[in-house]
Amino acid sequence: MIRVLIERHIAATLESAYEERSKHLLRYAIDAPGFVSGETLVDAEDPNHRLTLCTFRTREEWDSWYHSQARIDLMKELGPMMDQDEKITVLKPS
C-alpha cells in the first residue's frame, strides 16, 4: 500500500467552486483501479490550503490514475482555481 498526499492552495473567492469540482474528482478516483481510500482535510490555519490523503494498493496503480485522461480533464477545471501548483508526495511504509 502507498499513501499519496495532495496539497492544493485555492484562490480567494473560489472555495465553493473548488469544493464542488474536487468532490467530482474524488468520485472518479474512487472508481480507479487500486484506490483504497481517500480523505480531504482543510488546514486549520489557512482555509484555502487543502490536503487530500489517499491510499492506493500500488505505486503503479496511483501512477495510472495520475496519468489517466479522466484526472487530466478534471485537473484542467481545478487548475485555474488554484493560486499555487499542486504538490504531490507519494509515501510508502517504512
PDB file of N, CA and C in Angstrom:
ATOM      1  N   MET A   1       0.844  -1.188   0.000  1.00  0.00           N
ATOM      2  CA  MET A   1       0.000   0.000   0.000  1.00  0.00           C
ATOM      3  C   MET A   1       0.886   1.247   0.000  1.00  0.00           C
ATOM      4  N   ILE A   2       0.414   2.253  -0.680  1.00  0.00           N
ATOM      5  CA  ILE A   2       1.070   3.554  -0.628  1.00  0.00           C
ATOM      6  C   ILE A   2       0.030   4.598  -0.236  1.00  0.00           C
ATOM      7  N   ARG A   3       0.513   5.684   0.308  1.00  0.00           N
ATOM      8  CA  ARG A   3      -0.346   6.836   0.609  1.00  0.00           C
ATOM      9  C   ARG A   3       0.131   7.973  -0.277  1.00  0.00           C
ATOM     10  N   VAL A   4      -0.796   8.795  -0.704  1.00  0.00           N
ATOM     11  CA  VAL A   4      -0.473   9.946  -1.543  1.00  0.00           C
ATOM     12  C   VAL A   4      -1.056  11.181  -0.885  1.00  0.00           C
ATOM     13  N   LEU A   5      -0.182  12.154  -0.629  1.00  0.00           N
ATOM     14  CA  LEU A   5      -0.600  13.437  -0.056  1.00  0.00           C
ATOM     15  C   LEU A   5      -0.644  14.451  -1.187  1.00  0.00           C
ATOM     16  N   ILE A   6      -1.817  15.010  -1.414  1.00  0.00           N
ATOM     17  CA  ILE A   6      -2.010  16.015  -2.463  1.00  0.00           C
ATOM     18  C   ILE A   6      -2.326  17.329  -1.775  1.00  0.00           C
ATOM     19  N   GLU A   7      -1.492  18.330  -2.020  1.00  0.00           N
ATOM     20  CA  GLU A   7      -1.701  19.650  -1.413  1.00  0.00           C
ATOM     21  C   GLU A   7      -2.084  20.645  -2.502  1.00  0.00           C
ATOM     22  N   ARG A   8      -3.115  21.407  -2.207  1.00  0.00           N
ATOM     23  CA  ARG A   8      -3.564  22.447  -3.132  1.00  0.00           C
ATOM     24  C   ARG A   8      -3.878  23.708  -2.346  1.00  0.00           C
ATOM     25  N   HIS A   9      -3.612  24.847  -2.957  1.00  0.00           N
ATOM     26  CA  HIS A   9      -3.976  26.122  -2.344  1.00  0.00           C
ATOM     27  C   HIS A   9      -4.950  26.820  -3.283  1.00  0.00           C
ATOM     28  N   ILE A  10      -6.149  27.093  -2.762  1.00  0.00           N
ATOM     29  CA  ILE A  10      -7.242  27.628  -3.564  1.00  0.00           C
ATOM     30  C   ILE A  10      -7.211  29.153  -3.561  1.00  0.00           C
ATOM     31  N   ALA A  11      -7.439  29.727  -4.725  1.00  0.00           N
ATOM     32  CA  ALA A  11      -7.500  31.182  -4.843  1.00  0.00           C
ATOM     33  C   ALA A  11      -8.701  31.713  -4.059  1.00  0.00           C
ATOM     34  N   ALA A  12      -8.522  32.877  -3.462  1.00  0.00           N
ATOM     35  CA  ALA A  12      -9.593  33.514  -2.689  1.00  0.00           C
ATOM     36  C   ALA A  12     -10.838  33.659  -3.558  1.00  0.00           C
ATOM     37  N   THR A  13     -11.976  33.446  -2.954  1.00  0.00           N
ATOM     38  CA  THR A  13     -13.318  33.547  -3.531  1.00  0.00           C
ATOM     39  C   THR A  13     -13.717  32.344  -4.397  1.00  0.00           C
ATOM     40  N   LEU A  14     -12.811  31.398  -4.609  1.00  0.00           N
ATOM     41  CA  LEU A  14     -13.146  30.249  -5.447  1.00  0.00           C
ATOM     42  C   LEU A  14     -13.349  28.971  -4.636  1.00  0.00           C
ATOM     43  N   GLU A  15     -13.460  29.116  -3.328  1.00  0.00           N
ATOM     44  CA  GLU A  15     -13.563  27.952  -2.451  1.00  0.00           C
ATOM     45  C   GLU A  15     -14.767  27.062  -2.777  1.00  0.00           C
ATOM     46  N   SER A  16     -15.947  27.654  -2.933  1.00  0.00           N
ATOM     47  CA  SER A  16     -17.144  26.829  -3.158  1.00  0.00           C
ATOM     48  C   SER A  16     -17.093  26.152  -4.529  1.00  0.00           C
ATOM     49  N   ALA A  17     -16.616  26.835  -5.535  1.00  0.00           N
ATOM     50  CA  ALA A  17     -16.479  26.220  -6.860  1.00  0.00           C
ATOM     51  C   ALA A  17     -15.462  25.088  -6.808  1.00  0.00           C
ATOM     52  N   TYR A  18     -14.379  25.310  -6.070  1.00  0.00           N
ATOM     53  CA  TYR A  18     -13.361  24.270  -5.914  1.00  0.00           C
ATOM     54  C   TYR A  18     -13.951  23.044  -5.214  1.00  0.00           C
ATOM     55  N   GLU A  19     -14.689  23.265  -4.142  1.00  0.00           N
ATOM     56  CA  GLU A  19     -15.273  22.151  -3.386  1.00  0.00           C
ATOM     57  C   GLU A  19     -16.135  21.273  -4.288  1.00  0.00           C
ATOM     58  N   GLU A  20     -16.947  21.898  -5.082  1.00  0.00           N
ATOM     59  CA  GLU A  20     -17.841  21.156  -5.979  1.00  0.00           C
ATOM     60  C   GLU A  20     -17.041  20.309  -6.967  1.00  0.00           C
ATOM     61  N   ARG A  21     -16.059  20.899  -7.592  1.00  0.00           N
ATOM     62  CA  ARG A  21     -15.267  20.181  -8.600  1.00  0.00           C
ATOM     63  C   ARG A  21     -14.366  19.135  -7.968  1.00  0.00           C
ATOM     64  N   SER A  22     -13.814  19.408  -6.794  1.00  0.00           N
ATOM     65  CA  SER A  22     -12.917  18.428  -6.167  1.00  0.00           C
ATOM     66  C   SER A  22     -13.689  17.192  -5.724  1.00  0.00           C
ATOM     67  N   LYS A  23     -14.940  17.354  -5.312  1.00  0.00           N
ATOM     68  CA  LYS A  23     -15.762  16.192  -4.961  1.00  0.00           C
ATOM     69  C   LYS A  23     -16.016  15.335  -6.196  1.00  0.00           C
ATOM     70  N   HIS A  24     -16.177  15.985  -7.321  1.00  0.00           N
ATOM     71  CA  HIS A  24     -16.358  15.269  -8.581  1.00  0.00           C
ATOM     72  C   HIS A  24     -15.100  14.456  -8.904  1.00  0.00           C
ATOM     73  N   LEU A  25     -13.935  15.054  -8.700  1.00  0.00           N
ATOM     74  CA  LEU A  25     -12.665  14.370  -8.924  1.00  0.00           C
ATOM     75  C   LEU A  25     -12.537  13.156  -8.004  1.00  0.00           C
ATOM     76  N   LEU A  26     -12.900  13.308  -6.749  1.00  0.00           N
ATOM     77  CA  LEU A  26     -12.803  12.203  -5.800  1.00  0.00           C
ATOM     78  C   LEU A  26     -13.726  11.053  -6.198  1.00  0.00           C
ATOM     79  N   ARG A  27     -14.905  11.384  -6.716  1.00  0.00           N
ATOM     80  CA  ARG A  27     -15.824  10.323  -7.156  1.00  0.00           C
ATOM     81  C   ARG A  27     -15.198   9.481  -8.276  1.00  0.00           C
ATOM     82  N   TYR A  28     -14.474  10.136  -9.179  1.00  0.00           N
ATOM     83  CA  TYR A  28     -13.784   9.402 -10.237  1.00  0.00           C
ATOM     84  C   TYR A  28     -12.641   8.577  -9.656  1.00  0.00           C
ATOM     85  N   ALA A  29     -11.901   9.140  -8.711  1.00  0.00           N
ATOM     86  CA  ALA A  29     -10.767   8.435  -8.116  1.00  0.00           C
ATOM     87  C   ALA A  29     -11.222   7.153  -7.424  1.00  0.00           C
ATOM     88  N   ILE A  30     -12.368   7.211  -6.777  1.00  0.00           N
ATOM     89  CA  ILE A  30     -12.893   6.037  -6.063  1.00  0.00           C
ATOM     90  C   ILE A  30     -13.038   4.842  -7.001  1.00  0.00           C
ATOM     91  N   ASP A  31     -13.349   5.098  -8.249  1.00  0.00           N
ATOM     92  CA  ASP A  31     -13.525   4.022  -9.231  1.00  0.00           C
ATOM     93  C   ASP A  31     -12.216   3.599  -9.896  1.00  0.00           C
ATOM     94  N   ALA A  32     -11.124   4.278  -9.593  1.00  0.00           N
ATOM     95  CA  ALA A  32      -9.843   3.954 -10.218  1.00  0.00           C
ATOM     96  C   ALA A  32      -9.320   2.626  -9.675  1.00  0.00           C
ATOM     97  N   PRO A  33      -8.774   1.790 -10.544  1.00  0.00           N
ATOM     98  CA  PRO A  33      -8.185   0.537 -10.067  1.00  0.00           C
ATOM     99  C   PRO A  33      -7.109   0.814  -9.006  1.00  0.00           C
ATOM    100  N   GLY A  34      -7.185   0.082  -7.911  1.00  0.00           N
ATOM    101  CA  GLY A  34      -6.191   0.223  -6.852  1.00  0.00           C
ATOM    102  C   GLY A  34      -6.536   1.217  -5.782  1.00  0.00           C
ATOM    103  N   PHE A  35      -7.565   2.039  -5.997  1.00  0.00           N
ATOM    104  CA  PHE A  35      -7.950   3.018  -4.980  1.00  0.00           C
ATOM    105  C   PHE A  35      -8.507   2.286  -3.767  1.00  0.00           C
ATOM    106  N   VAL A  36      -7.999   2.654  -2.578  1.00  0.00           N
ATOM    107  CA  VAL A  36      -8.450   2.020  -1.343  1.00  0.00           C
ATOM    108  C   VAL A  36      -9.283   2.989  -0.509  1.00  0.00           C
ATOM    109  N   SER A  37      -8.765   4.202  -0.316  1.00  0.00           N
ATOM    110  CA  SER A  37      -9.485   5.186   0.499  1.00  0.00           C
ATOM    111  C   SER A  37      -8.974   6.587   0.202  1.00  0.00           C
ATOM    112  N   GLY A  38      -9.760   7.571   0.652  1.00  0.00           N
ATOM    113  CA  GLY A  38      -9.365   8.965   0.478  1.00  0.00           C
ATOM    114  C   GLY A  38     -10.008   9.836   1.532  1.00  0.00           C
ATOM    115  N   GLU A  39      -9.296  10.874   1.893  1.00  0.00           N
ATOM    116  CA  GLU A  39      -9.778  11.814   2.911  1.00  0.00           C
ATOM    117  C   GLU A  39      -9.293  13.205   2.532  1.00  0.00           C
ATOM    118  N   THR A  40     -10.175  14.181   2.629  1.00  0.00           N
ATOM    119  CA  THR A  40      -9.808  15.561   2.338  1.00  0.00           C
ATOM    120  C   THR A  40      -9.849  16.368   3.620  1.00  0.00           C
ATOM    121  N   LEU A  41      -8.818  17.179   3.829  1.00  0.00           N
ATOM    122  CA  LEU A  41      -8.675  17.976   5.042  1.00  0.00           C
ATOM    123  C   LEU A  41      -8.452  19.434   4.678  1.00  0.00           C
ATOM    124  N   VAL A  42      -8.802  20.307   5.612  1.00  0.00           N
ATOM    125  CA  VAL A  42      -8.584  21.745   5.452  1.00  0.00           C
ATOM    126  C   VAL A  42      -7.621  22.186   6.545  1.00  0.00           C
ATOM    127  N   ASP A  43      -6.607  22.931   6.169  1.00  0.00           N
ATOM    128  CA  ASP A  43      -5.633  23.474   7.116  1.00  0.00           C
ATOM    129  C   ASP A  43      -6.358  24.363   8.130  1.00  0.00           C
ATOM    130  N   ALA A  44      -6.175  24.101   9.405  1.00  0.00           N
ATOM    131  CA  ALA A  44      -6.853  24.868  10.462  1.00  0.00           C
ATOM    132  C   ALA A  44      -6.410  26.328  10.489  1.00  0.00           C
ATOM    133  N   GLU A  45      -5.238  26.612   9.957  1.00  0.00           N
ATOM    134  CA  GLU A  45      -4.710  27.985   9.965  1.00  0.00           C
ATOM    135  C   GLU A  45      -4.932  28.714   8.643  1.00  0.00           C
ATOM    136  N   ASP A  46      -5.218  27.972   7.591  1.00  0.00           N
ATOM    137  CA  ASP A  46      -5.396  28.569   6.265  1.00  0.00           C
ATOM    138  C   ASP A  46      -6.496  27.800   5.536  1.00  0.00           C
ATOM    139  N   PRO A  47      -7.730  28.312   5.551  1.00  0.00           N
ATOM    140  CA  PRO A  47      -8.848  27.574   4.960  1.00  0.00           C
ATOM    141  C   PRO A  47      -8.744  27.370   3.446  1.00  0.00           C
ATOM    142  N   ASN A  48      -7.826  28.022   2.797  1.00  0.00           N
ATOM    143  CA  ASN A  48      -7.644  27.825   1.358  1.00  0.00           C
ATOM    144  C   ASN A  48      -6.595  26.756   1.054  1.00  0.00           C
ATOM    145  N   HIS A  49      -5.934  26.245   2.093  1.00  0.00           N
ATOM    146  CA  HIS A  49      -4.949  25.174   1.929  1.00  0.00           C
ATOM    147  C   HIS A  49      -5.663  23.852   2.142  1.00  0.00           C
ATOM    148  N   ARG A  50      -5.760  23.054   1.096  1.00  0.00           N
ATOM    149  CA  ARG A  50      -6.487  21.789   1.143  1.00  0.00           C
ATOM    150  C   ARG A  50      -5.506  20.636   0.967  1.00  0.00           C
ATOM    151  N   LEU A  51      -5.755  19.576   1.706  1.00  0.00           N
ATOM    152  CA  LEU A  51      -4.922  18.384   1.622  1.00  0.00           C
ATOM    153  C   LEU A  51      -5.822  17.179   1.403  1.00  0.00           C
ATOM    154  N   THR A  52      -5.421  16.330   0.498  1.00  0.00           N
ATOM    155  CA  THR A  52      -6.119  15.074   0.276  1.00  0.00           C
ATOM    156  C   THR A  52      -5.107  13.965   0.528  1.00  0.00           C
ATOM    157  N   LEU A  53      -5.498  13.027   1.360  1.00  0.00           N
ATOM    158  CA  LEU A  53      -4.655  11.873   1.665  1.00  0.00           C
ATOM    159  C   LEU A  53      -5.388  10.649   1.144  1.00  0.00           C
ATOM    160  N   CYS A  54      -4.797   9.979   0.174  1.00  0.00           N
ATOM    161  CA  CYS A  54      -5.454   8.802  -0.373  1.00  0.00           C
ATOM    162  C   CYS A  54      -4.513   7.602  -0.328  1.00  0.00           C
ATOM    163  N   THR A  55      -5.119   6.447  -0.356  1.00  0.00           N
ATOM    164  CA  THR A  55      -4.381   5.190  -0.318  1.00  0.00           C
ATOM    165  C   THR A  55      -4.665   4.416  -1.596  1.00  0.00           C
ATOM    166  N   PHE A  56      -3.595   3.938  -2.209  1.00  0.00           N
ATOM    167  CA  PHE A  56      -3.683   3.061  -3.372  1.00  0.00           C
ATOM    168  C   PHE A  56      -2.929   1.780  -3.056  1.00  0.00           C
ATOM    169  N   ARG A  57      -3.325   0.694  -3.688  1.00  0.00           N
ATOM    170  CA  ARG A  57      -2.641  -0.579  -3.437  1.00  0.00           C
ATOM    171  C   ARG A  57      -1.181  -0.528  -3.857  1.00  0.00           C
ATOM    172  N   THR A  58      -0.903   0.061  -5.040  1.00  0.00           N
ATOM    173  CA  THR A  58       0.470   0.088  -5.545  1.00  0.00           C
ATOM    174  C   THR A  58       0.800   1.444  -6.156  1.00  0.00           C
ATOM    175  N   ARG A  59       2.086   1.701  -6.283  1.00  0.00           N
ATOM    176  CA  ARG A  59       2.555   2.925  -6.937  1.00  0.00           C
ATOM    177  C   ARG A  59       2.113   2.932  -8.403  1.00  0.00           C
ATOM    178  N   GLU A  60       2.146   1.773  -9.034  1.00  0.00           N
ATOM    179  CA  GLU A  60       1.755   1.679 -10.436  1.00  0.00           C
ATOM    180  C   GLU A  60       0.291   2.052 -10.633  1.00  0.00           C
ATOM    181  N   GLU A  61      -0.563   1.631  -9.697  1.00  0.00           N
ATOM    182  CA  GLU A  61      -1.978   1.979  -9.815  1.00  0.00           C
ATOM    183  C   GLU A  61      -2.194   3.471  -9.579  1.00  0.00           C
ATOM    184  N   TRP A  62      -1.447   4.063  -8.654  1.00  0.00           N
ATOM    185  CA  TRP A  62      -1.509   5.514  -8.466  1.00  0.00           C
ATOM    186  C   TRP A  62      -1.060   6.219  -9.741  1.00  0.00           C
ATOM    187  N   ASP A  63       0.096   5.785 -10.282  1.00  0.00           N
ATOM    188  CA  ASP A  63       0.609   6.423 -11.494  1.00  0.00           C
ATOM    189  C   ASP A  63      -0.389   6.322 -12.639  1.00  0.00           C
ATOM    190  N   SER A  64      -1.060   5.185 -12.743  1.00  0.00           N
ATOM    191  CA  SER A  64      -2.068   5.011 -13.790  1.00  0.00           C
ATOM    192  C   SER A  64      -3.206   6.017 -13.607  1.00  0.00           C
ATOM    193  N   TRP A  65      -3.680   6.176 -12.373  1.00  0.00           N
ATOM    194  CA  TRP A  65      -4.737   7.161 -12.104  1.00  0.00           C
ATOM    195  C   TRP A  65      -4.226   8.576 -12.355  1.00  0.00           C
ATOM    196  N   TYR A  66      -3.032   8.875 -11.879  1.00  0.00           N
ATOM    197  CA  TYR A  66      -2.476  10.217 -12.025  1.00  0.00           C
ATOM    198  C   TYR A  66      -2.388  10.624 -13.502  1.00  0.00           C
ATOM    199  N   HIS A  67      -2.027   9.705 -14.367  1.00  0.00           N
ATOM    200  CA  HIS A  67      -1.847   9.995 -15.792  1.00  0.00           C
ATOM    201  C   HIS A  67      -3.093   9.697 -16.623  1.00  0.00           C
ATOM    202  N   SER A  68      -4.186   9.313 -15.965  1.00  0.00           N
ATOM    203  CA  SER A  68      -5.404   8.980 -16.707  1.00  0.00           C
ATOM    204  C   SER A  68      -6.020  10.223 -17.345  1.00  0.00           C
ATOM    205  N   GLN A  69      -6.695  10.003 -18.441  1.00  0.00           N
ATOM    206  CA  GLN A  69      -7.351  11.120 -19.128  1.00  0.00           C
ATOM    207  C   GLN A  69      -8.435  11.740 -18.251  1.00  0.00           C
ATOM    208  N   ALA A  70      -9.119  10.914 -17.458  1.00  0.00           N
ATOM    209  CA  ALA A  70     -10.166  11.449 -16.571  1.00  0.00           C
ATOM    210  C   ALA A  70      -9.572  12.448 -15.589  1.00  0.00           C
ATOM    211  N   ARG A  71      -8.451  12.110 -14.951  1.00  0.00           N
ATOM    212  CA  ARG A  71      -7.832  13.029 -13.987  1.00  0.00           C
ATOM    213  C   ARG A  71      -7.289  14.270 -14.693  1.00  0.00           C
ATOM    214  N   ILE A  72      -6.670  14.078 -15.826  1.00  0.00           N
ATOM    215  CA  ILE A  72      -6.129  15.223 -16.572  1.00  0.00           C
ATOM    216  C   ILE A  72      -7.252  16.204 -16.917  1.00  0.00           C
ATOM    217  N   ASP A  73      -8.377  15.672 -17.401  1.00  0.00           N
ATOM    218  CA  ASP A  73      -9.501  16.541 -17.770  1.00  0.00           C
ATOM    219  C   ASP A  73     -10.061  17.278 -16.549  1.00  0.00           C
ATOM    220  N   LEU A  74     -10.214  16.567 -15.431  1.00  0.00           N
ATOM    221  CA  LEU A  74     -10.739  17.204 -14.220  1.00  0.00           C
ATOM    222  C   LEU A  74      -9.764  18.243 -13.660  1.00  0.00           C
ATOM    223  N   MET A  75      -8.472  17.977 -13.768  1.00  0.00           N
ATOM    224  CA  MET A  75      -7.489  18.950 -13.280  1.00  0.00           C
ATOM    225  C   MET A  75      -7.470  20.210 -14.152  1.00  0.00           C
ATOM    226  N   LYS A  76      -7.873  20.104 -15.400  1.00  0.00           N
ATOM    227  CA  LYS A  76      -7.983  21.293 -16.246  1.00  0.00           C
ATOM    228  C   LYS A  76      -9.032  22.252 -15.680  1.00  0.00           C
ATOM    229  N   GLU A  77     -10.040  21.692 -15.002  1.00  0.00           N
ATOM    230  CA  GLU A  77     -11.061  22.521 -14.370  1.00  0.00           C
ATOM    231  C   GLU A  77     -10.585  23.061 -13.021  1.00  0.00           C
ATOM    232  N   LEU A  78      -9.880  22.231 -12.261  1.00  0.00           N
ATOM    233  CA  LEU A  78      -9.424  22.655 -10.932  1.00  0.00           C
ATOM    234  C   LEU A  78      -8.223  23.589 -10.985  1.00  0.00           C
ATOM    235  N   GLY A  79      -7.340  23.361 -11.925  1.00  0.00           N
ATOM    236  CA  GLY A  79      -6.101  24.137 -12.006  1.00  0.00           C
ATOM    237  C   GLY A  79      -6.286  25.645 -11.948  1.00  0.00           C
ATOM    238  N   PRO A  80      -7.204  26.205 -12.727  1.00  0.00           N
ATOM    239  CA  PRO A  80      -7.390  27.652 -12.699  1.00  0.00           C
ATOM    240  C   PRO A  80      -7.926  28.191 -11.361  1.00  0.00           C
ATOM    241  N   MET A  81      -8.430  27.307 -10.511  1.00  0.00           N
ATOM    242  CA  MET A  81      -8.940  27.731  -9.200  1.00  0.00           C
ATOM    243  C   MET A  81      -7.847  27.788  -8.143  1.00  0.00           C
ATOM    244  N   MET A  82      -6.661  27.302  -8.483  1.00  0.00           N
ATOM    245  CA  MET A  82      -5.561  27.267  -7.522  1.00  0.00           C
ATOM    246  C   MET A  82      -4.616  28.433  -7.783  1.00  0.00           C
ATOM    247  N   ASP A  83      -4.070  28.977  -6.695  1.00  0.00           N
ATOM    248  CA  ASP A  83      -3.110  30.066  -6.858  1.00  0.00           C
ATOM    249  C   ASP A  83      -1.663  29.589  -6.676  1.00  0.00           C
ATOM    250  N   GLN A  84      -1.488  28.285  -6.540  1.00  0.00           N
ATOM    251  CA  GLN A  84      -0.164  27.660  -6.485  1.00  0.00           C
ATOM    252  C   GLN A  84      -0.267  26.319  -7.195  1.00  0.00           C
ATOM    253  N   ASP A  85       0.866  25.802  -7.622  1.00  0.00           N
ATOM    254  CA  ASP A  85       0.868  24.482  -8.245  1.00  0.00           C
ATOM    255  C   ASP A  85       0.524  23.409  -7.223  1.00  0.00           C
ATOM    256  N   GLU A  86      -0.169  22.402  -7.676  1.00  0.00           N
ATOM    257  CA  GLU A  86      -0.473  21.240  -6.851  1.00  0.00           C
ATOM    258  C   GLU A  86       0.844  20.563  -6.455  1.00  0.00           C
ATOM    259  N   LYS A  87       0.913  20.099  -5.209  1.00  0.00           N
ATOM    260  CA  LYS A  87       2.106  19.391  -4.741  1.00  0.00           C
ATOM    261  C   LYS A  87       1.678  17.980  -4.341  1.00  0.00           C
ATOM    262  N   ILE A  88       2.387  16.989  -4.862  1.00  0.00           N
ATOM    263  CA  ILE A  88       2.057  15.597  -4.595  1.00  0.00           C
ATOM    264  C   ILE A  88       3.254  14.915  -3.962  1.00  0.00           C
ATOM    265  N   THR A  89       3.006  14.214  -2.864  1.00  0.00           N
ATOM    266  CA  THR A  89       4.039  13.429  -2.192  1.00  0.00           C
ATOM    267  C   THR A  89       3.532  11.996  -2.080  1.00  0.00           C
ATOM    268  N   VAL A  90       4.287  11.060  -2.627  1.00  0.00           N
ATOM    269  CA  VAL A  90       3.935   9.653  -2.532  1.00  0.00           C
ATOM    270  C   VAL A  90       4.717   9.074  -1.351  1.00  0.00           C
ATOM    271  N   LEU A  91       3.971   8.418  -0.452  1.00  0.00           N
ATOM    272  CA  LEU A  91       4.547   7.886   0.780  1.00  0.00           C
ATOM    273  C   LEU A  91       4.421   6.375   0.800  1.00  0.00           C
ATOM    274  N   LYS A  92       5.437   5.719   1.337  1.00  0.00           N
ATOM    275  CA  LYS A  92       5.396   4.262   1.460  1.00  0.00           C
ATOM    276  C   LYS A  92       5.703   3.891   2.907  1.00  0.00           C
ATOM    277  N   PRO A  93       5.281   2.716   3.321  1.00  0.00           N
ATOM    278  CA  PRO A  93       5.566   2.296   4.710  1.00  0.00           C
ATOM    279  C   PRO A  93       7.062   2.209   4.950  1.00  0.00           C
ATOM    280  N   SER A  94       7.466   2.498   6.159  1.00  0.00           N
ATOM    281  CA  SER A  94       8.897   2.414   6.473  1.00  0.00           C
ATOM    282  C   SER A  94       9.282   1.018   6.895  1.00  0.00           C
TER     283      SER A  94
END
